[in-house]
Amino acid sequence: MKIPVITKQEPLSVEAKVSKLSRVEFAHLPSPALLKEPRNFWDVVFIANEAYILKEITHPRVRRLLAFDSIAHRLFLQYLEGPTLNDLVQSGVTLKEHGRTHRILQSVAETMADLHAGLLCDRPVIHNDLKSMNVLVPAATPTDIQLIDFSHSFFSGYLPPFIANKEQSPVGTAKYMAPEKWDGDYSNGFKGDVFAFGVMAHYAHTTRHPFDGDAAMIEKQIREVTPPSPIQAGFELPRNISATIMACLEKKPEARPTMEQVARSYAEAASLFK
């Protein structure tokens, strides 16, 4: 696809050490786009990987690929206004609006279940970097979500070497890494996503990450410590949801539920918030 002429480019500031992001406008096109460009060598690899993954996904809750310039390593994505789930947690919204928080997490669980099943994509997808910063809540649909950043994703049965053997783990993902990933084991990709969902849901419901500190502390806690459930920590939410979150955080992959089971748990509890 030929890239239209860019008439305006506005850099976007982000907290995490990710690729350079800009809001761009094109000549003769009414809608802006998000432009992702490499900040360092590894970004080139991961940007190309995201383009490869998104070409095969048509899920309405996944941010759409618009175009990829493989020569300049520029990735153009659907631009959406709205906070991330992390923004909502930090601003206190998730604690104040329990029903909205539940619906957002239900949407994430349902979307991840679809991706794991290979629905609306050519084959099952492991996100591999699920976290609150990668869940966008569009301003136009404040109880729905868009999953973003598939740069570290892979298709089931095909794990690219640069995913498991990269020199540095992205800063910010340590809190969401399942125990087996600390050993370099990515063979339980689906259950790794489930663990990350558990961390994200615990954080959304309590505003506290279940594992925190420096990298060494986080690794030790993830390997050895079972955090208190949201209910044990004094937060109000349905008991089955608290139990589901803790099941997602099980140390052994085989002890965790599937994303389909997690989505079903959230769906069954949804009526409590109507």
C-alpha atoms as a PDB file:
ATOM      1  CA  MET A   1       0.000   0.000   0.000  1.00  0.00           C
ATOM      2  CA  LYS A   2       1.279   3.442  -0.929  1.00  0.00           C
ATOM      3  CA  ILE A   3       1.573   5.736   2.100  1.00  0.00           C
ATOM      4  CA  PRO A   4      -0.306   9.048   1.601  1.00  0.00           C
ATOM      5  CA  VAL A   5       1.574  12.304   2.022  1.00  0.00           C
ATOM      6  CA  ILE A   6       1.825  13.267   5.706  1.00  0.00           C
ATOM      7  CA  THR A   7       0.760  16.879   6.244  1.00  0.00           C
ATOM      8  CA  LYS A   8       1.111  17.021  10.029  1.00  0.00           C
ATOM      9  CA  GLN A   9       3.030  14.971  12.592  1.00  0.00           C
ATOM     10  CA  GLU A  10       2.597  15.466  16.336  1.00  0.00           C
ATOM     11  CA  PRO A  11       4.880  13.451  18.674  1.00  0.00           C
ATOM     12  CA  LEU A  12       3.104  11.708  21.549  1.00  0.00           C
ATOM     13  CA  SER A  13       4.655  11.359  24.984  1.00  0.00           C
ATOM     14  CA  VAL A  14       4.489   7.945  26.632  1.00  0.00           C
ATOM     15  CA  GLU A  15       5.719   6.740  30.010  1.00  0.00           C
ATOM     16  CA  ALA A  16       7.120   3.383  28.916  1.00  0.00           C
ATOM     17  CA  LYS A  17      10.271   2.942  26.848  1.00  0.00           C
ATOM     18  CA  VAL A  18       8.484   2.056  23.654  1.00  0.00           C
ATOM     19  CA  SER A  19       8.883   2.963  20.019  1.00  0.00           C
ATOM     20  CA  LYS A  20       8.441   6.589  18.965  1.00  0.00           C
ATOM     21  CA  LEU A  21       4.748   7.377  18.597  1.00  0.00           C
ATOM     22  CA  SER A  22       3.158  10.236  16.657  1.00  0.00           C
ATOM     23  CA  ARG A  23      -0.294  11.369  15.627  1.00  0.00           C
ATOM     24  CA  VAL A  24      -0.210  12.022  11.899  1.00  0.00           C
ATOM     25  CA  GLU A  25      -2.598  13.576   9.401  1.00  0.00           C
ATOM     26  CA  PHE A  26      -2.609  12.890   5.667  1.00  0.00           C
ATOM     27  CA  ALA A  27      -3.401  14.900   2.569  1.00  0.00           C
ATOM     28  CA  HIS A  28      -6.906  14.176   1.253  1.00  0.00           C
ATOM     29  CA  LEU A  29      -7.755  11.803   4.131  1.00  0.00           C
ATOM     30  CA  PRO A  30     -10.104  12.892   6.975  1.00  0.00           C
ATOM     31  CA  SER A  31      -8.940  10.521   9.725  1.00  0.00           C
ATOM     32  CA  PRO A  32      -5.597  10.730  11.555  1.00  0.00           C
ATOM     33  CA  ALA A  33      -3.418   7.699  12.267  1.00  0.00           C
ATOM     34  CA  LEU A  34      -0.962   6.571  14.888  1.00  0.00           C
ATOM     35  CA  LEU A  35       2.575   6.289  13.549  1.00  0.00           C
ATOM     36  CA  LYS A  36       5.001   3.933  15.268  1.00  0.00           C
ATOM     37  CA  GLU A  37       8.701   4.313  14.433  1.00  0.00           C
ATOM     38  CA  PRO A  38      11.812   2.578  15.836  1.00  0.00           C
ATOM     39  CA  ARG A  39      13.711   4.150  18.701  1.00  0.00           C
ATOM     40  CA  ASN A  40      16.483   1.542  18.665  1.00  0.00           C
ATOM     41  CA  PHE A  41      17.569  -1.614  16.823  1.00  0.00           C
ATOM     42  CA  TRP A  42      15.159  -3.978  18.569  1.00  0.00           C
ATOM     43  CA  ASP A  43      12.226  -1.721  17.693  1.00  0.00           C
ATOM     44  CA  VAL A  44      12.801  -2.469  14.014  1.00  0.00           C
ATOM     45  CA  VAL A  45      12.318  -6.169  14.672  1.00  0.00           C
ATOM     46  CA  PHE A  46       9.295  -5.766  16.919  1.00  0.00           C
ATOM     47  CA  ILE A  47       7.557  -3.222  14.678  1.00  0.00           C
ATOM     48  CA  ALA A  48       7.880  -5.626  11.753  1.00  0.00           C
ATOM     49  CA  ASN A  49       6.531  -8.420  13.956  1.00  0.00           C
ATOM     50  CA  GLU A  50       3.500  -6.336  14.949  1.00  0.00           C
ATOM     51  CA  ALA A  51       2.733  -5.606  11.301  1.00  0.00           C
ATOM     52  CA  TYR A  52       3.000  -9.319  10.512  1.00  0.00           C
ATOM     53  CA  ILE A  53       0.645 -10.286  13.350  1.00  0.00           C
ATOM     54  CA  LEU A  54      -1.950  -7.570  12.709  1.00  0.00           C
ATOM     55  CA  LYS A  55      -2.231  -8.456   9.017  1.00  0.00           C
ATOM     56  CA  GLU A  56      -4.002 -11.638  10.105  1.00  0.00           C
ATOM     57  CA  ILE A  57      -6.305 -10.173  12.788  1.00  0.00           C
ATOM     58  CA  THR A  58      -9.672  -8.605  12.017  1.00  0.00           C
ATOM     59  CA  HIS A  59     -11.063  -8.532  15.556  1.00  0.00           C
ATOM     60  CA  PRO A  60     -13.039  -5.326  16.236  1.00  0.00           C
ATOM     61  CA  ARG A  61     -11.412  -4.985  19.677  1.00  0.00           C
ATOM     62  CA  VAL A  62      -7.877  -5.035  18.282  1.00  0.00           C
ATOM     63  CA  ARG A  63      -6.407  -1.765  16.997  1.00  0.00           C
ATOM     64  CA  ARG A  64      -6.340  -1.993  13.219  1.00  0.00           C
ATOM     65  CA  LEU A  65      -3.267  -1.997  11.011  1.00  0.00           C
ATOM     66  CA  LEU A  66      -3.552   0.688   8.314  1.00  0.00           C
ATOM     67  CA  ALA A  67      -0.215   0.341   6.518  1.00  0.00           C
ATOM     68  CA  PHE A  68       3.384  -0.745   6.998  1.00  0.00           C
ATOM     69  CA  ASP A  69       6.392   0.840   5.311  1.00  0.00           C
ATOM     70  CA  SER A  70       8.942  -1.977   5.517  1.00  0.00           C
ATOM     71  CA  ILE A  71      11.758   0.141   4.083  1.00  0.00           C
ATOM     72  CA  ALA A  72      11.530   2.982   6.636  1.00  0.00           C
ATOM     73  CA  HIS A  73      10.123   0.657   9.350  1.00  0.00           C
ATOM     74  CA  ARG A  74       7.049   2.851   9.838  1.00  0.00           C
ATOM     75  CA  LEU A  75       3.857   1.286  11.140  1.00  0.00           C
ATOM     76  CA  PHE A  76       0.556   3.147  10.701  1.00  0.00           C
ATOM     77  CA  LEU A  77      -2.256   2.151  13.046  1.00  0.00           C
ATOM     78  CA  GLN A  78      -5.815   3.217  13.804  1.00  0.00           C
ATOM     79  CA  TYR A  79      -5.765   6.335  15.971  1.00  0.00           C
ATOM     80  CA  LEU A  80      -8.187   6.389  18.890  1.00  0.00           C
ATOM     81  CA  GLU A  81      -8.702   8.985  21.587  1.00  0.00           C
ATOM     82  CA  GLY A  82      -9.047   7.657  25.101  1.00  0.00           C
ATOM     83  CA  PRO A  83      -7.201   6.612  28.250  1.00  0.00           C
ATOM     84  CA  THR A  84      -5.569   3.267  28.887  1.00  0.00           C
ATOM     85  CA  LEU A  85      -6.780   1.021  31.667  1.00  0.00           C
ATOM     86  CA  ASN A  86      -3.632   2.048  33.533  1.00  0.00           C
ATOM     87  CA  ASP A  87      -4.720   5.697  33.308  1.00  0.00           C
ATOM     88  CA  LEU A  88      -8.133   4.789  34.738  1.00  0.00           C
ATOM     89  CA  VAL A  89      -6.551   2.916  37.632  1.00  0.00           C
ATOM     90  CA  GLN A  90      -4.165   5.738  38.476  1.00  0.00           C
ATOM     91  CA  SER A  91      -6.939   8.348  38.352  1.00  0.00           C
ATOM     92  CA  GLY A  92      -9.115   6.311  40.727  1.00  0.00           C
ATOM     93  CA  VAL A  93     -11.853   5.550  38.209  1.00  0.00           C
ATOM     94  CA  THR A  94     -11.655   1.768  38.569  1.00  0.00           C
ATOM     95  CA  LEU A  95     -12.275   1.975  42.318  1.00  0.00           C
ATOM     96  CA  LYS A  96     -15.158   4.431  41.989  1.00  0.00           C
ATOM     97  CA  GLU A  97     -16.953   2.824  39.031  1.00  0.00           C
ATOM     98  CA  HIS A  98     -17.092  -0.893  39.811  1.00  0.00           C
ATOM     99  CA  GLY A  99     -19.519  -1.723  37.027  1.00  0.00           C
ATOM    100  CA  ARG A 100     -17.408  -0.004  34.405  1.00  0.00           C
ATOM    101  CA  THR A 101     -14.266  -1.745  35.666  1.00  0.00           C
ATOM    102  CA  HIS A 102     -16.007  -5.116  35.479  1.00  0.00           C
ATOM    103  CA  ARG A 103     -17.238  -4.511  31.923  1.00  0.00           C
ATOM    104  CA  ILE A 104     -13.796  -3.382  30.764  1.00  0.00           C
ATOM    105  CA  LEU A 105     -12.134  -6.488  32.197  1.00  0.00           C
ATOM    106  CA  GLN A 106     -14.891  -8.676  30.790  1.00  0.00           C
ATOM    107  CA  SER A 107     -14.208  -7.182  27.347  1.00  0.00           C
ATOM    108  CA  VAL A 108     -10.493  -7.901  27.727  1.00  0.00           C
ATOM    109  CA  ALA A 109     -11.171 -11.500  28.796  1.00  0.00           C
ATOM    110  CA  GLU A 110     -13.609 -12.095  25.928  1.00  0.00           C
ATOM    111  CA  THR A 111     -11.213 -10.606  23.388  1.00  0.00           C
ATOM    112  CA  MET A 112      -8.293 -12.669  24.661  1.00  0.00           C
ATOM    113  CA  ALA A 113     -10.477 -15.800  24.575  1.00  0.00           C
ATOM    114  CA  ASP A 114     -11.305 -15.047  20.935  1.00  0.00           C
ATOM    115  CA  LEU A 115      -7.643 -14.564  20.034  1.00  0.00           C
ATOM    116  CA  HIS A 116      -6.626 -17.766  21.814  1.00  0.00           C
ATOM    117  CA  ALA A 117      -9.337 -19.629  19.890  1.00  0.00           C
ATOM    118  CA  GLY A 118      -8.246 -18.139  16.576  1.00  0.00           C
ATOM    119  CA  LEU A 119     -11.534 -16.295  16.050  1.00  0.00           C
ATOM    120  CA  LEU A 120     -11.373 -13.334  13.639  1.00  0.00           C
ATOM    121  CA  CYS A 121      -7.744 -14.181  12.926  1.00  0.00           C
ATOM    122  CA  ASP A 122      -6.186 -16.855  10.746  1.00  0.00           C
ATOM    123  CA  ARG A 123      -4.754 -18.824  13.682  1.00  0.00           C
ATOM    124  CA  PRO A 124      -4.591 -18.633  17.489  1.00  0.00           C
ATOM    125  CA  VAL A 125      -2.615 -15.662  18.807  1.00  0.00           C
ATOM    126  CA  ILE A 126      -0.702 -15.221  22.075  1.00  0.00           C
ATOM    127  CA  HIS A 127      -0.516 -11.534  22.992  1.00  0.00           C
ATOM    128  CA  ASN A 128       2.533 -12.037  25.223  1.00  0.00           C
ATOM    129  CA  ASP A 129       2.529  -8.483  26.596  1.00  0.00           C
ATOM    130  CA  LEU A 130      -0.909  -8.124  28.128  1.00  0.00           C
ATOM    131  CA  LYS A 131      -0.908  -5.328  30.725  1.00  0.00           C
ATOM    132  CA  SER A 132      -2.966  -2.335  31.791  1.00  0.00           C
ATOM    133  CA  MET A 133      -0.968   0.000  29.532  1.00  0.00           C
ATOM    134  CA  ASN A 134      -1.909  -2.111  26.499  1.00  0.00           C
ATOM    135  CA  VAL A 135      -5.658  -1.877  27.039  1.00  0.00           C
ATOM    136  CA  LEU A 136      -7.073   1.267  25.463  1.00  0.00           C
ATOM    137  CA  VAL A 137     -10.534   2.472  26.518  1.00  0.00           C
ATOM    138  CA  PRO A 138     -11.884   4.604  23.649  1.00  0.00           C
ATOM    139  CA  ALA A 139     -13.562   7.833  24.708  1.00  0.00           C
ATOM    140  CA  ALA A 140     -16.440   7.022  22.343  1.00  0.00           C
ATOM    141  CA  THR A 141     -17.122   3.661  24.051  1.00  0.00           C
ATOM    142  CA  PRO A 142     -16.045   4.049  27.700  1.00  0.00           C
ATOM    143  CA  THR A 143     -16.960   0.486  28.764  1.00  0.00           C
ATOM    144  CA  ASP A 144     -15.359  -1.249  25.795  1.00  0.00           C
ATOM    145  CA  ILE A 145     -11.706  -1.777  24.934  1.00  0.00           C
ATOM    146  CA  GLN A 146      -9.126  -1.962  22.199  1.00  0.00           C
ATOM    147  CA  LEU A 147      -6.127  -4.242  22.682  1.00  0.00           C
ATOM    148  CA  ILE A 148      -2.932  -2.565  21.507  1.00  0.00           C
ATOM    149  CA  ASP A 149       0.778  -3.306  21.058  1.00  0.00           C
ATOM    150  CA  PHE A 150       1.192  -6.713  19.430  1.00  0.00           C
ATOM    151  CA  SER A 151       4.922  -6.197  18.932  1.00  0.00           C
ATOM    152  CA  HIS A 152       5.789  -9.162  21.183  1.00  0.00           C
ATOM    153  CA  SER A 153       2.915 -11.385  20.065  1.00  0.00           C
ATOM    154  CA  PHE A 154       3.211 -14.680  18.246  1.00  0.00           C
ATOM    155  CA  PHE A 155       1.033 -17.320  16.654  1.00  0.00           C
ATOM    156  CA  SER A 156       0.478 -20.561  18.506  1.00  0.00           C
ATOM    157  CA  GLY A 157       3.034 -23.138  17.445  1.00  0.00           C
ATOM    158  CA  TYR A 158       5.494 -20.582  16.134  1.00  0.00           C
ATOM    159  CA  LEU A 159       7.695 -18.747  18.632  1.00  0.00           C
ATOM    160  CA  PRO A 160      10.183 -16.448  16.867  1.00  0.00           C
ATOM    161  CA  PRO A 161      13.679 -16.621  18.420  1.00  0.00           C
ATOM    162  CA  PHE A 162      13.764 -12.868  19.070  1.00  0.00           C
ATOM    163  CA  ILE A 163      10.759 -13.174  21.409  1.00  0.00           C
ATOM    164  CA  ALA A 164      12.272 -15.643  23.868  1.00  0.00           C
ATOM    165  CA  ASN A 165      15.954 -14.806  23.372  1.00  0.00           C
ATOM    166  CA  LYS A 166      15.903 -11.013  23.294  1.00  0.00           C
ATOM    167  CA  GLU A 167      18.709  -9.315  25.187  1.00  0.00           C
ATOM    168  CA  GLN A 168      16.454  -7.205  27.392  1.00  0.00           C
ATOM    169  CA  SER A 169      12.938  -7.704  28.674  1.00  0.00           C
ATOM    170  CA  PRO A 170      10.873  -4.538  28.142  1.00  0.00           C
ATOM    171  CA  VAL A 171      10.798  -2.357  31.232  1.00  0.00           C
ATOM    172  CA  GLY A 172       7.342  -2.475  32.794  1.00  0.00           C
ATOM    173  CA  THR A 173       6.440  -6.042  31.800  1.00  0.00           C
ATOM    174  CA  ALA A 174       8.249  -7.762  34.678  1.00  0.00           C
ATOM    175  CA  LYS A 175       5.205  -7.338  36.950  1.00  0.00           C
ATOM    176  CA  TYR A 176       3.093  -9.279  34.453  1.00  0.00           C
ATOM    177  CA  MET A 177       5.501 -12.111  33.609  1.00  0.00           C
ATOM    178  CA  ALA A 178       4.367 -15.608  34.570  1.00  0.00           C
ATOM    179  CA  PRO A 179       6.839 -17.671  36.624  1.00  0.00           C
ATOM    180  CA  GLU A 180       7.782 -19.903  33.700  1.00  0.00           C
ATOM    181  CA  LYS A 181       8.768 -16.916  31.568  1.00  0.00           C
ATOM    182  CA  TRP A 182      11.488 -16.027  34.074  1.00  0.00           C
ATOM    183  CA  ASP A 183      13.059 -19.357  33.074  1.00  0.00           C
ATOM    184  CA  GLY A 184      12.784 -18.475  29.385  1.00  0.00           C
ATOM    185  CA  ASP A 185       9.910 -20.928  28.903  1.00  0.00           C
ATOM    186  CA  TYR A 186       7.343 -19.491  26.491  1.00  0.00           C
ATOM    187  CA  SER A 187       5.793 -22.853  25.589  1.00  0.00           C
ATOM    188  CA  ASN A 188       2.707 -22.116  27.740  1.00  0.00           C
ATOM    189  CA  GLY A 189       1.866 -18.922  25.876  1.00  0.00           C
ATOM    190  CA  PHE A 190      -1.879 -19.080  26.441  1.00  0.00           C
ATOM    191  CA  LYS A 191      -1.437 -19.588  30.197  1.00  0.00           C
ATOM    192  CA  GLY A 192       1.170 -16.793  30.256  1.00  0.00           C
ATOM    193  CA  ASP A 193      -1.530 -14.450  28.957  1.00  0.00           C
ATOM    194  CA  VAL A 194      -3.893 -15.754  31.649  1.00  0.00           C
ATOM    195  CA  PHE A 195      -1.347 -14.948  34.370  1.00  0.00           C
ATOM    196  CA  ALA A 196      -0.913 -11.433  32.943  1.00  0.00           C
ATOM    197  CA  PHE A 197      -4.687 -10.960  32.944  1.00  0.00           C
ATOM    198  CA  GLY A 198      -4.752 -11.950  36.619  1.00  0.00           C
ATOM    199  CA  VAL A 199      -2.127  -9.329  37.441  1.00  0.00           C
ATOM    200  CA  MET A 200      -4.006  -6.702  35.442  1.00  0.00           C
ATOM    201  CA  ALA A 201      -7.377  -7.529  36.996  1.00  0.00           C
ATOM    202  CA  HIS A 202      -5.936  -7.552  40.526  1.00  0.00           C
ATOM    203  CA  TYR A 203      -4.392  -4.141  39.824  1.00  0.00           C
ATOM    204  CA  ALA A 204      -7.597  -2.734  38.330  1.00  0.00           C
ATOM    205  CA  HIS A 205      -9.733  -3.876  41.259  1.00  0.00           C
ATOM    206  CA  THR A 206      -7.278  -2.809  44.000  1.00  0.00           C
ATOM    207  CA  THR A 207      -5.013  -0.142  42.361  1.00  0.00           C
ATOM    208  CA  ARG A 208      -2.032  -2.165  43.638  1.00  0.00           C
ATOM    209  CA  HIS A 209       0.113  -4.550  41.628  1.00  0.00           C
ATOM    210  CA  PRO A 210       0.208  -7.955  43.340  1.00  0.00           C
ATOM    211  CA  PHE A 211       3.971  -8.114  42.687  1.00  0.00           C
ATOM    212  CA  ASP A 212       6.058  -4.957  43.038  1.00  0.00           C
ATOM    213  CA  GLY A 213       9.543  -3.613  43.713  1.00  0.00           C
ATOM    214  CA  ASP A 214      12.732  -3.840  41.689  1.00  0.00           C
ATOM    215  CA  ALA A 215      13.222  -6.610  39.113  1.00  0.00           C
ATOM    216  CA  ALA A 216      14.824  -9.031  41.587  1.00  0.00           C
ATOM    217  CA  MET A 217      12.038  -8.510  44.136  1.00  0.00           C
ATOM    218  CA  ILE A 218       9.344  -8.926  41.507  1.00  0.00           C
ATOM    219  CA  GLU A 219      10.883 -12.159  40.235  1.00  0.00           C
ATOM    220  CA  LYS A 220      11.127 -13.603  43.764  1.00  0.00           C
ATOM    221  CA  GLN A 221       7.525 -12.669  44.564  1.00  0.00           C
ATOM    222  CA  ILE A 222       6.173 -14.086  41.312  1.00  0.00           C
ATOM    223  CA  ARG A 223       8.030 -17.339  41.864  1.00  0.00           C
ATOM    224  CA  GLU A 224       7.377 -17.761  45.599  1.00  0.00           C
ATOM    225  CA  VAL A 225       4.676 -15.456  47.001  1.00  0.00           C
ATOM    226  CA  THR A 226       0.905 -15.731  46.772  1.00  0.00           C
ATOM    227  CA  PRO A 227      -0.541 -12.232  47.171  1.00  0.00           C
ATOM    228  CA  PRO A 228      -3.728 -11.641  49.175  1.00  0.00           C
ATOM    229  CA  SER A 229      -6.879 -11.836  47.096  1.00  0.00           C
ATOM    230  CA  PRO A 230      -8.682  -8.548  46.388  1.00  0.00           C
ATOM    231  CA  ILE A 231     -11.322  -9.501  48.979  1.00  0.00           C
ATOM    232  CA  GLN A 232      -8.665 -10.390  51.577  1.00  0.00           C
ATOM    233  CA  ALA A 233      -7.075  -7.000  50.892  1.00  0.00           C
ATOM    234  CA  GLY A 234     -10.356  -5.304  51.784  1.00  0.00           C
ATOM    235  CA  PHE A 235     -11.772  -4.503  48.351  1.00  0.00           C
ATOM    236  CA  GLU A 236     -15.349  -5.170  47.303  1.00  0.00           C
ATOM    237  CA  LEU A 237     -15.995  -7.381  44.284  1.00  0.00           C
ATOM    238  CA  PRO A 238     -17.913 -10.612  43.627  1.00  0.00           C
ATOM    239  CA  ARG A 239     -16.362 -13.648  45.299  1.00  0.00           C
ATOM    240  CA  ASN A 240     -16.231 -15.652  42.081  1.00  0.00           C
ATOM    241  CA  ILE A 241     -14.273 -12.842  40.422  1.00  0.00           C
ATOM    242  CA  SER A 242     -11.800 -12.644  43.282  1.00  0.00           C
ATOM    243  CA  ALA A 243     -11.384 -16.430  43.097  1.00  0.00           C
ATOM    244  CA  THR A 244     -10.926 -16.287  39.316  1.00  0.00           C
ATOM    245  CA  ILE A 245      -8.221 -13.652  39.616  1.00  0.00           C
ATOM    246  CA  MET A 246      -6.325 -15.750  42.141  1.00  0.00           C
ATOM    247  CA  ALA A 247      -6.662 -18.828  39.926  1.00  0.00           C
ATOM    248  CA  CYS A 248      -5.077 -16.832  37.093  1.00  0.00           C
ATOM    249  CA  LEU A 249      -2.104 -16.133  39.395  1.00  0.00           C
ATOM    250  CA  GLU A 250      -1.345 -19.790  40.119  1.00  0.00           C
ATOM    251  CA  LYS A 251       2.378 -20.559  39.855  1.00  0.00           C
ATOM    252  CA  LYS A 252       1.932 -23.651  37.669  1.00  0.00           C
ATOM    253  CA  PRO A 253       0.488 -23.009  34.175  1.00  0.00           C
ATOM    254  CA  GLU A 254      -1.677 -26.132  34.261  1.00  0.00           C
ATOM    255  CA  ALA A 255      -3.403 -24.872  37.430  1.00  0.00           C
ATOM    256  CA  ARG A 256      -4.613 -21.681  35.731  1.00  0.00           C
ATOM    257  CA  PRO A 257      -7.961 -21.450  33.931  1.00  0.00           C
ATOM    258  CA  THR A 258      -8.280 -20.770  30.220  1.00  0.00           C
ATOM    259  CA  MET A 259      -9.220 -17.312  28.993  1.00  0.00           C
ATOM    260  CA  GLU A 260     -12.570 -18.788  27.929  1.00  0.00           C
ATOM    261  CA  GLN A 261     -13.222 -19.816  31.542  1.00  0.00           C
ATOM    262  CA  VAL A 262     -12.140 -16.382  32.794  1.00  0.00           C
ATOM    263  CA  ALA A 263     -14.445 -14.658  30.306  1.00  0.00           C
ATOM    264  CA  ARG A 264     -17.327 -16.901  31.379  1.00  0.00           C
ATOM    265  CA  SER A 265     -16.717 -16.020  35.039  1.00  0.00           C
ATOM    266  CA  TYR A 266     -16.886 -12.291  34.273  1.00  0.00           C
ATOM    267  CA  ALA A 267     -19.994 -12.760  32.112  1.00  0.00           C
ATOM    268  CA  GLU A 268     -21.783 -14.681  34.879  1.00  0.00           C
ATOM    269  CA  ALA A 269     -21.082 -11.888  37.379  1.00  0.00           C
ATOM    270  CA  ALA A 270     -22.052  -9.052  35.017  1.00  0.00           C
ATOM    271  CA  SER A 271     -25.687  -9.029  36.181  1.00  0.00           C
ATOM    272  CA  LEU A 272     -24.549  -8.001  39.661  1.00  0.00           C
ATOM    273  CA  PHE A 273     -23.621  -4.576  38.278  1.00  0.00           C
ATOM    274  CA  LYS A 274     -26.839  -3.802  36.391  1.00  0.00           C
END
